[in-house]
């Protein structure tokens, strides 16, 4: 089963547009969580985006999300994960930018 095979093109693009918005929201939450060193909020933000990224074919991002969630849950001390979280945040922002660059009219589908 693939999303595109089971769904019309316009619906897939709408889903992708919402995913891009969710990436931005995730990045904003990760930034806010870093200020408070809130590992629970960080985990929730990453978890929210993991499933939809797999559905849309961003398997590497989904795998990276799940791996980071496991790390965060194994050691519940924010400071132990700062470099991993910063790398994930950077990757999230890059993915959002890449989607925007490749789908310039995506926001019109929201």
N, C-alpha and C. Protein backbone atom coordinates (compact mmCIF):
# COMPACT_ATOMS: atom_id res chain seq x y z
N UNK A 1 0.83 -1.18 0.00
CA UNK A 1 0.00 0.00 0.00
C UNK A 1 0.88 1.25 0.00
N UNK A 2 0.60 2.15 -0.90
CA UNK A 2 1.30 3.42 -0.92
C UNK A 2 0.26 4.53 -0.85
N UNK A 3 0.63 5.63 -0.27
CA UNK A 3 -0.30 6.74 -0.13
C UNK A 3 -0.78 7.22 -1.49
N UNK A 4 0.15 7.41 -2.42
CA UNK A 4 -0.23 7.94 -3.72
C UNK A 4 -1.11 6.97 -4.49
N UNK A 5 -0.83 5.69 -4.38
CA UNK A 5 -1.60 4.68 -5.11
C UNK A 5 -3.04 4.63 -4.61
N UNK A 6 -3.23 4.87 -3.32
CA UNK A 6 -4.55 4.76 -2.72
C UNK A 6 -5.27 6.09 -2.57
N UNK A 7 -4.65 7.18 -3.00
CA UNK A 7 -5.19 8.52 -2.78
C UNK A 7 -4.94 9.37 -4.02
N UNK A 8 -5.85 10.31 -4.28
CA UNK A 8 -5.64 11.17 -5.45
C UNK A 8 -4.52 12.18 -5.16
N UNK A 9 -3.98 12.75 -6.23
CA UNK A 9 -2.82 13.64 -6.15
C UNK A 9 -3.07 14.86 -5.26
N UNK A 10 -4.23 15.48 -5.40
CA UNK A 10 -4.53 16.68 -4.63
C UNK A 10 -4.54 16.37 -3.13
N UNK A 11 -5.08 15.24 -2.75
CA UNK A 11 -5.12 14.85 -1.33
C UNK A 11 -3.71 14.60 -0.81
N UNK A 12 -2.87 13.96 -1.60
CA UNK A 12 -1.48 13.71 -1.19
C UNK A 12 -0.76 15.04 -0.96
N UNK A 13 -0.98 15.98 -1.85
CA UNK A 13 -0.32 17.29 -1.72
C UNK A 13 -0.83 18.02 -0.48
N UNK A 14 -2.12 17.91 -0.20
CA UNK A 14 -2.66 18.52 1.03
C UNK A 14 -2.02 17.90 2.27
N UNK A 15 -1.89 16.60 2.25
CA UNK A 15 -1.26 15.89 3.38
C UNK A 15 0.18 16.35 3.54
N UNK A 16 0.89 16.48 2.42
CA UNK A 16 2.27 16.95 2.46
C UNK A 16 2.35 18.38 3.00
N UNK A 17 1.40 19.22 2.61
CA UNK A 17 1.37 20.60 3.11
C UNK A 17 1.18 20.62 4.62
N UNK A 18 0.30 19.79 5.12
CA UNK A 18 0.09 19.72 6.58
C UNK A 18 1.31 19.14 7.28
N UNK A 19 1.95 18.19 6.64
CA UNK A 19 3.18 17.61 7.21
C UNK A 19 4.25 18.68 7.35
N UNK A 20 4.40 19.51 6.32
CA UNK A 20 5.39 20.58 6.39
C UNK A 20 5.08 21.53 7.54
N UNK A 21 3.81 21.82 7.74
CA UNK A 21 3.41 22.67 8.87
C UNK A 21 3.73 21.98 10.20
N UNK A 22 3.50 20.68 10.24
CA UNK A 22 3.81 19.92 11.46
C UNK A 22 5.31 19.91 11.74
N UNK A 23 6.12 19.87 10.68
CA UNK A 23 7.57 19.95 10.86
C UNK A 23 7.95 21.29 11.50
N UNK A 24 7.35 22.37 11.01
CA UNK A 24 7.62 23.70 11.58
C UNK A 24 7.19 23.75 13.04
N UNK A 25 5.99 23.23 13.32
CA UNK A 25 5.50 23.19 14.70
C UNK A 25 6.43 22.38 15.59
N UNK A 26 6.89 21.24 15.09
CA UNK A 26 7.80 20.38 15.83
C UNK A 26 9.09 21.15 16.15
N UNK A 27 9.62 21.83 15.16
CA UNK A 27 10.86 22.60 15.37
C UNK A 27 10.64 23.69 16.42
N UNK A 28 9.51 24.38 16.35
CA UNK A 28 9.20 25.43 17.33
C UNK A 28 9.09 24.85 18.74
N UNK A 29 8.45 23.70 18.85
CA UNK A 29 8.31 23.05 20.16
C UNK A 29 9.66 22.60 20.68
N UNK A 30 10.50 22.05 19.81
CA UNK A 30 11.83 21.62 20.23
C UNK A 30 12.66 22.80 20.74
N UNK A 31 12.53 23.93 20.09
CA UNK A 31 13.25 25.13 20.53
C UNK A 31 12.74 25.57 21.91
N UNK A 32 11.42 25.59 22.07
CA UNK A 32 10.85 25.98 23.37
C UNK A 32 11.23 24.98 24.46
N UNK A 33 11.19 23.70 24.13
CA UNK A 33 11.54 22.66 25.10
C UNK A 33 13.00 22.76 25.52
N UNK A 34 13.86 23.18 24.61
CA UNK A 34 15.28 23.29 24.93
C UNK A 34 15.53 24.40 25.95
N UNK A 35 14.73 25.43 25.90
CA UNK A 35 14.88 26.53 26.86
C UNK A 35 14.57 26.09 28.28
N UNK A 36 13.63 25.15 28.40
CA UNK A 36 13.24 24.64 29.72
C UNK A 36 13.84 23.27 30.03
N UNK A 37 14.63 22.75 29.08
CA UNK A 37 15.21 21.41 29.19
C UNK A 37 14.11 20.38 29.51
N UNK A 38 13.02 20.49 28.76
CA UNK A 38 11.83 19.66 28.96
C UNK A 38 11.89 18.42 28.07
N UNK A 39 12.32 17.32 28.64
CA UNK A 39 12.49 16.09 27.86
C UNK A 39 11.14 15.49 27.47
N UNK A 40 10.13 15.66 28.31
CA UNK A 40 8.80 15.12 28.00
C UNK A 40 8.20 15.83 26.79
N UNK A 41 8.26 17.14 26.77
CA UNK A 41 7.76 17.92 25.63
C UNK A 41 8.54 17.60 24.36
N UNK A 42 9.84 17.43 24.50
CA UNK A 42 10.68 17.07 23.35
C UNK A 42 10.24 15.73 22.77
N UNK A 43 10.05 14.75 23.64
CA UNK A 43 9.64 13.41 23.20
C UNK A 43 8.28 13.46 22.52
N UNK A 44 7.34 14.19 23.09
CA UNK A 44 5.99 14.29 22.51
C UNK A 44 6.03 14.93 21.12
N UNK A 45 6.83 15.97 20.97
CA UNK A 45 6.93 16.65 19.67
C UNK A 45 7.48 15.71 18.60
N UNK A 46 8.51 14.97 18.96
CA UNK A 46 9.12 14.04 18.00
C UNK A 46 8.17 12.90 17.68
N UNK A 47 7.50 12.38 18.70
CA UNK A 47 6.57 11.27 18.51
C UNK A 47 5.43 11.67 17.56
N UNK A 48 4.95 12.90 17.72
CA UNK A 48 3.83 13.37 16.90
C UNK A 48 4.16 13.33 15.41
N UNK A 49 5.39 13.57 15.06
CA UNK A 49 5.77 13.67 13.65
C UNK A 49 6.27 12.34 13.07
N UNK A 50 6.66 11.41 13.91
CA UNK A 50 7.29 10.16 13.44
C UNK A 50 6.40 9.34 12.52
N UNK A 51 5.16 9.12 12.91
CA UNK A 51 4.27 8.27 12.11
C UNK A 51 3.92 8.86 10.76
N UNK A 52 3.62 10.15 10.75
CA UNK A 52 3.24 10.77 9.47
C UNK A 52 4.42 10.83 8.51
N UNK A 53 5.62 10.95 9.05
CA UNK A 53 6.79 10.99 8.16
C UNK A 53 6.97 9.64 7.45
N UNK A 54 6.71 8.56 8.15
CA UNK A 54 6.80 7.23 7.52
C UNK A 54 5.73 7.08 6.45
N UNK A 55 4.52 7.51 6.76
CA UNK A 55 3.41 7.41 5.81
C UNK A 55 3.72 8.14 4.50
N UNK A 56 4.40 9.28 4.62
CA UNK A 56 4.71 10.08 3.43
C UNK A 56 5.98 9.65 2.72
N UNK A 57 6.65 8.64 3.24
CA UNK A 57 7.83 8.11 2.56
C UNK A 57 9.15 8.66 3.06
N UNK A 58 9.12 9.42 4.14
CA UNK A 58 10.36 9.94 4.73
C UNK A 58 10.87 8.94 5.76
N UNK A 59 11.24 7.77 5.28
CA UNK A 59 11.61 6.66 6.16
C UNK A 59 12.82 6.98 7.03
N UNK A 60 13.83 7.57 6.44
CA UNK A 60 15.04 7.92 7.20
C UNK A 60 14.69 8.86 8.36
N UNK A 61 13.84 9.83 8.08
CA UNK A 61 13.42 10.77 9.12
C UNK A 61 12.59 10.05 10.19
N UNK A 62 11.71 9.17 9.77
CA UNK A 62 10.90 8.40 10.73
C UNK A 62 11.79 7.53 11.61
N UNK A 63 12.74 6.86 11.00
CA UNK A 63 13.67 6.02 11.77
C UNK A 63 14.48 6.86 12.74
N UNK A 64 14.95 7.99 12.27
CA UNK A 64 15.73 8.89 13.13
C UNK A 64 14.87 9.38 14.31
N UNK A 65 13.61 9.67 14.02
CA UNK A 65 12.69 10.12 15.07
C UNK A 65 12.50 9.04 16.13
N UNK A 66 12.24 7.84 15.68
CA UNK A 66 12.02 6.73 16.63
C UNK A 66 13.28 6.41 17.43
N UNK A 67 14.43 6.46 16.78
CA UNK A 67 15.69 6.21 17.49
C UNK A 67 15.92 7.26 18.59
N UNK A 68 15.64 8.51 18.27
CA UNK A 68 15.83 9.56 19.27
C UNK A 68 14.83 9.41 20.42
N UNK A 69 13.61 9.05 20.11
CA UNK A 69 12.61 8.83 21.17
C UNK A 69 13.09 7.74 22.12
N UNK A 70 13.63 6.65 21.58
CA UNK A 70 14.15 5.58 22.43
C UNK A 70 15.27 6.08 23.33
N UNK A 71 16.17 6.86 22.76
CA UNK A 71 17.27 7.42 23.56
C UNK A 71 16.74 8.31 24.68
N UNK A 72 15.80 9.17 24.33
CA UNK A 72 15.26 10.10 25.31
C UNK A 72 14.55 9.37 26.45
N UNK A 73 13.86 8.30 26.10
CA UNK A 73 13.14 7.54 27.12
C UNK A 73 14.06 6.67 27.97
N UNK A 74 15.21 6.34 27.42
CA UNK A 74 16.14 5.48 28.18
C UNK A 74 16.91 6.25 29.25
N UNK A 75 17.20 7.51 28.98
CA UNK A 75 17.89 8.37 29.94
C UNK A 75 17.10 9.67 29.99
N UNK A 76 16.38 9.88 31.07
CA UNK A 76 15.46 11.01 31.18
C UNK A 76 16.14 12.28 31.69
N UNK A 77 17.34 12.53 31.21
CA UNK A 77 18.08 13.73 31.58
C UNK A 77 18.35 14.51 30.29
N UNK A 78 17.73 15.66 30.16
CA UNK A 78 17.80 16.44 28.92
C UNK A 78 19.24 16.71 28.50
N UNK A 79 20.08 17.09 29.45
CA UNK A 79 21.46 17.46 29.12
C UNK A 79 22.26 16.33 28.47
N UNK A 80 21.85 15.09 28.68
CA UNK A 80 22.54 13.95 28.07
C UNK A 80 22.27 13.85 26.56
N UNK A 81 21.25 14.57 26.11
CA UNK A 81 20.80 14.42 24.71
C UNK A 81 20.90 15.70 23.89
N UNK A 82 21.52 16.72 24.42
CA UNK A 82 21.52 18.02 23.74
C UNK A 82 22.03 17.93 22.30
N UNK A 83 23.14 17.27 22.08
CA UNK A 83 23.69 17.21 20.71
C UNK A 83 22.76 16.43 19.77
N UNK A 84 22.15 15.36 20.28
CA UNK A 84 21.21 14.59 19.45
C UNK A 84 19.97 15.42 19.11
N UNK A 85 19.47 16.14 20.09
CA UNK A 85 18.28 16.97 19.87
C UNK A 85 18.60 18.11 18.91
N UNK A 86 19.75 18.73 19.07
CA UNK A 86 20.13 19.82 18.16
C UNK A 86 20.30 19.30 16.73
N UNK A 87 20.88 18.12 16.58
CA UNK A 87 21.04 17.53 15.24
C UNK A 87 19.68 17.20 14.64
N UNK A 88 18.79 16.68 15.46
CA UNK A 88 17.44 16.36 14.99
C UNK A 88 16.69 17.63 14.59
N UNK A 89 16.81 18.66 15.40
CA UNK A 89 16.17 19.94 15.09
C UNK A 89 16.69 20.48 13.75
N UNK A 90 17.98 20.43 13.56
CA UNK A 90 18.57 20.90 12.31
C UNK A 90 18.05 20.10 11.13
N UNK A 91 17.98 18.79 11.28
CA UNK A 91 17.49 17.91 10.23
C UNK A 91 16.02 18.21 9.93
N UNK A 92 15.23 18.47 10.98
CA UNK A 92 13.82 18.80 10.82
C UNK A 92 13.66 20.09 10.03
N UNK A 93 14.45 21.09 10.37
CA UNK A 93 14.39 22.36 9.66
C UNK A 93 14.84 22.21 8.21
N UNK A 94 15.87 21.42 7.97
CA UNK A 94 16.33 21.18 6.60
C UNK A 94 15.28 20.46 5.77
N UNK A 95 14.61 19.48 6.36
CA UNK A 95 13.57 18.76 5.65
C UNK A 95 12.42 19.69 5.29
N UNK A 96 12.03 20.54 6.23
CA UNK A 96 10.97 21.51 5.97
C UNK A 96 11.35 22.45 4.83
N UNK A 97 12.58 22.95 4.85
CA UNK A 97 13.06 23.84 3.78
C UNK A 97 13.11 23.12 2.44
N UNK A 98 13.55 21.88 2.45
CA UNK A 98 13.63 21.10 1.22
C UNK A 98 12.25 20.89 0.61
N UNK A 99 11.28 20.59 1.46
CA UNK A 99 9.91 20.42 0.97
C UNK A 99 9.42 21.75 0.37
N UNK A 100 9.67 22.85 1.07
CA UNK A 100 9.25 24.16 0.57
C UNK A 100 9.89 24.50 -0.77
N UNK A 101 11.16 24.19 -0.92
CA UNK A 101 11.87 24.49 -2.17
C UNK A 101 11.36 23.65 -3.33
N UNK A 102 11.00 22.42 -3.05
CA UNK A 102 10.56 21.51 -4.11
C UNK A 102 9.07 21.60 -4.43
N UNK A 103 8.32 22.17 -3.51
CA UNK A 103 6.88 22.33 -3.71
C UNK A 103 6.52 23.77 -3.37
N UNK A 104 6.84 24.68 -4.26
CA UNK A 104 6.73 26.11 -4.00
C UNK A 104 5.30 26.58 -3.73
N UNK A 105 4.30 25.90 -4.26
CA UNK A 105 2.91 26.32 -4.07
C UNK A 105 2.21 25.50 -2.99
N UNK A 106 2.96 24.80 -2.20
CA UNK A 106 2.38 23.88 -1.21
C UNK A 106 1.46 24.59 -0.23
N UNK A 107 1.84 25.79 0.20
CA UNK A 107 1.02 26.50 1.19
C UNK A 107 -0.38 26.81 0.68
N UNK A 108 -0.55 26.87 -0.61
CA UNK A 108 -1.88 27.16 -1.16
C UNK A 108 -2.84 25.98 -0.98
N UNK A 109 -2.33 24.83 -0.57
CA UNK A 109 -3.17 23.65 -0.36
C UNK A 109 -3.63 23.52 1.09
N UNK A 110 -3.22 24.47 1.94
CA UNK A 110 -3.64 24.42 3.35
C UNK A 110 -5.01 25.03 3.52
